[in-house]
Amino acid sequence: MDNRELLARLIKCEAGGEGDNGMRGVATVVMNRVRVPSGEYHRIGQGDLRKVIYQEGQFDCVRSVLGGVANPQTIWANPPEQIHYDIADWALAGNKLFTIGASLWYFNPYGPCPYSFPYNGTGSFQVAIAKHCFYNPTALYFET
């Protein structure tokens, strides 16, 4: 699977029900991780989309098991549709959803967005789109 298809599959799996902006937000976060100049994602991902997506513990859709149970919703089980390829192409071309800013994280808290995420203080709330909350890195992130 090439990078375009890998990103399209991740977009569908992570945000397929979040509308165009939700999917663009997830794609922006992934590409922000690829392009971040320092910190954990730079050190581990080294600017490589595959390393970013397959970094252990980052995306539920890349885990075959969640909570000790087989994960039915993975990037392998859900082939992308044209909209997912279009958004992957958009992100791979260097485009970003402006409201996301430099966000490196997103998640669905199933309630109001907390001020910081991850809970170690490396991210601060940027914006909510559909059911996902997006978080920009704090100064602490760049020490990771």
C-alpha atoms as a PDB file:
ATOM      1  CA  MET A   1       0.000   0.000   0.000  1.00  0.00           C
ATOM      2  CA  ASP A   2       1.461   3.373  -0.983  1.00  0.00           C
ATOM      3  CA  ASN A   3       1.433   6.503   1.224  1.00  0.00           C
ATOM      4  CA  ARG A   4      -1.623   7.954  -0.522  1.00  0.00           C
ATOM      5  CA  GLU A   5      -3.729   4.870   0.145  1.00  0.00           C
ATOM      6  CA  LEU A   6      -2.391   4.498   3.691  1.00  0.00           C
ATOM      7  CA  LEU A   7      -3.362   8.086   4.544  1.00  0.00           C
ATOM      8  CA  ALA A   8      -6.753   7.728   2.807  1.00  0.00           C
ATOM      9  CA  ARG A   9      -7.484   4.584   4.839  1.00  0.00           C
ATOM     10  CA  LEU A  10      -6.497   6.307   8.090  1.00  0.00           C
ATOM     11  CA  ILE A  11      -8.674   9.318   7.253  1.00  0.00           C
ATOM     12  CA  LYS A  12     -11.693   7.085   6.602  1.00  0.00           C
ATOM     13  CA  CYS A  13     -11.177   4.987   9.698  1.00  0.00           C
ATOM     14  CA  GLU A  14     -10.374   7.811  12.119  1.00  0.00           C
ATOM     15  CA  ALA A  15     -12.814  10.452  10.853  1.00  0.00           C
ATOM     16  CA  GLY A  16     -15.049   9.001   8.133  1.00  0.00           C
ATOM     17  CA  GLY A  17     -18.186  10.140   9.941  1.00  0.00           C
ATOM     18  CA  GLU A  18     -16.886  13.608  10.822  1.00  0.00           C
ATOM     19  CA  GLY A  19     -17.601  15.407   7.524  1.00  0.00           C
ATOM     20  CA  ASP A  20     -15.076  17.028   5.192  1.00  0.00           C
ATOM     21  CA  ASN A  21     -13.622  19.371   7.825  1.00  0.00           C
ATOM     22  CA  GLY A  22     -13.303  16.581  10.378  1.00  0.00           C
ATOM     23  CA  MET A  23     -11.452  14.428   7.859  1.00  0.00           C
ATOM     24  CA  ARG A  24      -9.273  17.366   6.781  1.00  0.00           C
ATOM     25  CA  GLY A  25      -8.509  18.035  10.449  1.00  0.00           C
ATOM     26  CA  VAL A  26      -7.283  14.483  10.999  1.00  0.00           C
ATOM     27  CA  ALA A  27      -5.220  14.633   7.800  1.00  0.00           C
ATOM     28  CA  THR A  28      -3.731  17.952   8.953  1.00  0.00           C
ATOM     29  CA  VAL A  29      -2.705  16.466  12.306  1.00  0.00           C
ATOM     30  CA  VAL A  30      -1.041  13.489  10.639  1.00  0.00           C
ATOM     31  CA  MET A  31       0.902  15.729   8.268  1.00  0.00           C
ATOM     32  CA  ASN A  32       1.770  18.130  11.122  1.00  0.00           C
ATOM     33  CA  ARG A  33       3.391  15.144  12.839  1.00  0.00           C
ATOM     34  CA  VAL A  34       5.302  14.314   9.656  1.00  0.00           C
ATOM     35  CA  ARG A  35       6.568  17.898   9.335  1.00  0.00           C
ATOM     36  CA  VAL A  36       7.099  18.915  12.980  1.00  0.00           C
ATOM     37  CA  PRO A  37      10.676  20.249  13.382  1.00  0.00           C
ATOM     38  CA  SER A  38      11.453  18.715  16.784  1.00  0.00           C
ATOM     39  CA  GLY A  39      10.131  16.687  19.699  1.00  0.00           C
ATOM     40  CA  GLU A  40       8.895  13.096  19.871  1.00  0.00           C
ATOM     41  CA  TYR A  41       7.195  12.944  16.468  1.00  0.00           C
ATOM     42  CA  HIS A  42      10.253  14.382  14.726  1.00  0.00           C
ATOM     43  CA  ARG A  43      12.591  12.014  16.542  1.00  0.00           C
ATOM     44  CA  ILE A  44      10.477   8.884  15.957  1.00  0.00           C
ATOM     45  CA  GLY A  45       8.806   9.713  12.637  1.00  0.00           C
ATOM     46  CA  GLN A  46      11.812  11.400  10.989  1.00  0.00           C
ATOM     47  CA  GLY A  47       9.493  12.992   8.430  1.00  0.00           C
ATOM     48  CA  ASP A  48       8.228   9.578   7.266  1.00  0.00           C
ATOM     49  CA  LEU A  49       4.440   9.249   6.968  1.00  0.00           C
ATOM     50  CA  ARG A  50       4.564   5.480   7.501  1.00  0.00           C
ATOM     51  CA  LYS A  51       6.565   5.812  10.724  1.00  0.00           C
ATOM     52  CA  VAL A  52       4.117   8.436  11.985  1.00  0.00           C
ATOM     53  CA  ILE A  53       1.042   6.318  11.234  1.00  0.00           C
ATOM     54  CA  TYR A  54       2.525   3.079  12.535  1.00  0.00           C
ATOM     55  CA  GLN A  55       4.054   4.594  15.705  1.00  0.00           C
ATOM     56  CA  GLU A  56       2.873   2.327  18.500  1.00  0.00           C
ATOM     57  CA  GLY A  57      -0.179   3.479  20.426  1.00  0.00           C
ATOM     58  CA  GLN A  58      -1.024   6.499  18.271  1.00  0.00           C
ATOM     59  CA  PHE A  59      -4.040   5.581  16.142  1.00  0.00           C
ATOM     60  CA  ASP A  60      -6.738   3.098  17.165  1.00  0.00           C
ATOM     61  CA  CYS A  61      -7.342   2.243  13.511  1.00  0.00           C
ATOM     62  CA  VAL A  62      -3.844   0.756  13.243  1.00  0.00           C
ATOM     63  CA  ARG A  63      -4.381  -1.557  16.229  1.00  0.00           C
ATOM     64  CA  SER A  64      -5.702  -5.021  15.481  1.00  0.00           C
ATOM     65  CA  VAL A  65      -6.678  -5.454  19.145  1.00  0.00           C
ATOM     66  CA  LEU A  66      -8.322  -2.856  21.419  1.00  0.00           C
ATOM     67  CA  GLY A  67      -8.977  -3.639  25.066  1.00  0.00           C
ATOM     68  CA  GLY A  68      -8.155  -7.303  24.525  1.00  0.00           C
ATOM     69  CA  VAL A  69     -10.782  -7.672  21.778  1.00  0.00           C
ATOM     70  CA  ALA A  70     -10.281  -7.833  18.002  1.00  0.00           C
ATOM     71  CA  ASN A  71     -10.738  -4.370  16.490  1.00  0.00           C
ATOM     72  CA  PRO A  72     -13.305  -4.571  13.650  1.00  0.00           C
ATOM     73  CA  GLN A  73     -12.569  -1.012  12.512  1.00  0.00           C
ATOM     74  CA  THR A  74      -9.040  -0.932  11.122  1.00  0.00           C
ATOM     75  CA  ILE A  75      -7.329   0.604   8.125  1.00  0.00           C
ATOM     76  CA  TRP A  76      -7.152  -2.889   6.613  1.00  0.00           C
ATOM     77  CA  ALA A  77     -10.871  -3.663   6.985  1.00  0.00           C
ATOM     78  CA  ASN A  78     -12.221  -0.403   5.535  1.00  0.00           C
ATOM     79  CA  PRO A  79     -11.180   0.457   1.969  1.00  0.00           C
ATOM     80  CA  PRO A  80     -11.235   4.197   1.238  1.00  0.00           C
ATOM     81  CA  GLU A  81     -13.640   5.926  -1.116  1.00  0.00           C
ATOM     82  CA  GLN A  82     -12.857   8.759  -3.530  1.00  0.00           C
ATOM     83  CA  ILE A  83     -13.446  11.487  -0.897  1.00  0.00           C
ATOM     84  CA  HIS A  84     -10.774   9.922   1.329  1.00  0.00           C
ATOM     85  CA  TYR A  85      -8.281   9.831  -1.548  1.00  0.00           C
ATOM     86  CA  ASP A  86      -9.141  13.448  -2.399  1.00  0.00           C
ATOM     87  CA  ILE A  87      -8.447  14.581   1.170  1.00  0.00           C
ATOM     88  CA  ALA A  88      -5.246  12.505   1.316  1.00  0.00           C
ATOM     89  CA  ASP A  89      -4.084  14.170  -1.936  1.00  0.00           C
ATOM     90  CA  TRP A  90      -4.986  17.577  -0.492  1.00  0.00           C
ATOM     91  CA  ALA A  91      -2.928  16.928   2.668  1.00  0.00           C
ATOM     92  CA  LEU A  92       0.025  15.326   0.869  1.00  0.00           C
ATOM     93  CA  ALA A  93       0.183  18.428  -1.377  1.00  0.00           C
ATOM     94  CA  GLY A  94       0.920  20.538   1.730  1.00  0.00           C
ATOM     95  CA  ASN A  95      -2.543  21.907   2.446  1.00  0.00           C
ATOM     96  CA  LYS A  96      -3.791  22.361   6.017  1.00  0.00           C
ATOM     97  CA  LEU A  97      -7.109  23.115   7.646  1.00  0.00           C
ATOM     98  CA  PHE A  98      -6.353  26.599   9.002  1.00  0.00           C
ATOM     99  CA  THR A  99      -8.389  26.173  12.193  1.00  0.00           C
ATOM    100  CA  ILE A 100      -6.203  23.221  13.210  1.00  0.00           C
ATOM    101  CA  GLY A 101      -3.051  25.305  13.388  1.00  0.00           C
ATOM    102  CA  ALA A 102      -0.039  23.258  14.487  1.00  0.00           C
ATOM    103  CA  SER A 103      -2.146  20.597  16.232  1.00  0.00           C
ATOM    104  CA  LEU A 104      -0.408  17.279  16.808  1.00  0.00           C
ATOM    105  CA  TRP A 105      -3.286  15.469  18.562  1.00  0.00           C
ATOM    106  CA  TYR A 106      -6.992  14.907  18.286  1.00  0.00           C
ATOM    107  CA  PHE A 107      -9.438  12.708  20.109  1.00  0.00           C
ATOM    108  CA  ASN A 108     -13.126  12.228  20.793  1.00  0.00           C
ATOM    109  CA  PRO A 109     -13.743  12.713  24.531  1.00  0.00           C
ATOM    110  CA  TYR A 110     -17.455  11.780  24.223  1.00  0.00           C
ATOM    111  CA  GLY A 111     -18.163  15.064  26.013  1.00  0.00           C
ATOM    112  CA  PRO A 112     -16.668  18.545  26.353  1.00  0.00           C
ATOM    113  CA  CYS A 113     -13.084  19.047  25.221  1.00  0.00           C
ATOM    114  CA  PRO A 114     -10.613  19.140  28.113  1.00  0.00           C
ATOM    115  CA  TYR A 115      -8.165  22.042  28.209  1.00  0.00           C
ATOM    116  CA  SER A 116      -5.085  19.872  27.728  1.00  0.00           C
ATOM    117  CA  PHE A 117      -4.293  16.618  25.966  1.00  0.00           C
ATOM    118  CA  PRO A 118      -2.276  14.492  26.210  1.00  0.00           C
ATOM    119  CA  TYR A 119      -2.622  14.665  29.946  1.00  0.00           C
ATOM    120  CA  ASN A 120       1.123  15.138  30.449  1.00  0.00           C
ATOM    121  CA  GLY A 121       0.741  18.824  29.513  1.00  0.00           C
ATOM    122  CA  THR A 122       2.292  18.642  26.048  1.00  0.00           C
ATOM    123  CA  GLY A 123      -0.847  19.860  24.249  1.00  0.00           C
ATOM    124  CA  SER A 124      -3.347  22.693  24.709  1.00  0.00           C
ATOM    125  CA  PHE A 125      -6.844  22.926  23.240  1.00  0.00           C
ATOM    126  CA  GLN A 126      -7.070  24.555  19.808  1.00  0.00           C
ATOM    127  CA  VAL A 127     -10.505  23.803  18.338  1.00  0.00           C
ATOM    128  CA  ALA A 128     -13.353  21.287  18.224  1.00  0.00           C
ATOM    129  CA  ILE A 129     -14.556  19.965  14.871  1.00  0.00           C
ATOM    130  CA  ALA A 130     -17.522  17.587  14.874  1.00  0.00           C
ATOM    131  CA  LYS A 131     -16.792  15.141  17.720  1.00  0.00           C
ATOM    132  CA  HIS A 132     -13.002  15.590  17.766  1.00  0.00           C
ATOM    133  CA  CYS A 133     -10.971  17.976  19.900  1.00  0.00           C
ATOM    134  CA  PHE A 134      -7.654  19.208  18.451  1.00  0.00           C
ATOM    135  CA  TYR A 135      -4.570  20.204  20.456  1.00  0.00           C
ATOM    136  CA  ASN A 136      -1.518  22.307  19.648  1.00  0.00           C
ATOM    137  CA  PRO A 137       1.860  21.459  21.169  1.00  0.00           C
ATOM    138  CA  THR A 138       2.982  23.388  24.236  1.00  0.00           C
ATOM    139  CA  ALA A 139       6.603  24.308  24.965  1.00  0.00           C
ATOM    140  CA  LEU A 140       6.784  21.094  27.012  1.00  0.00           C
ATOM    141  CA  TYR A 141       6.176  18.982  23.871  1.00  0.00           C
ATOM    142  CA  PHE A 142       9.379  20.272  22.290  1.00  0.00           C
ATOM    143  CA  GLU A 143      11.317  18.822  25.239  1.00  0.00           C
ATOM    144  CA  THR A 144      10.029  15.300  24.520  1.00  0.00           C
END
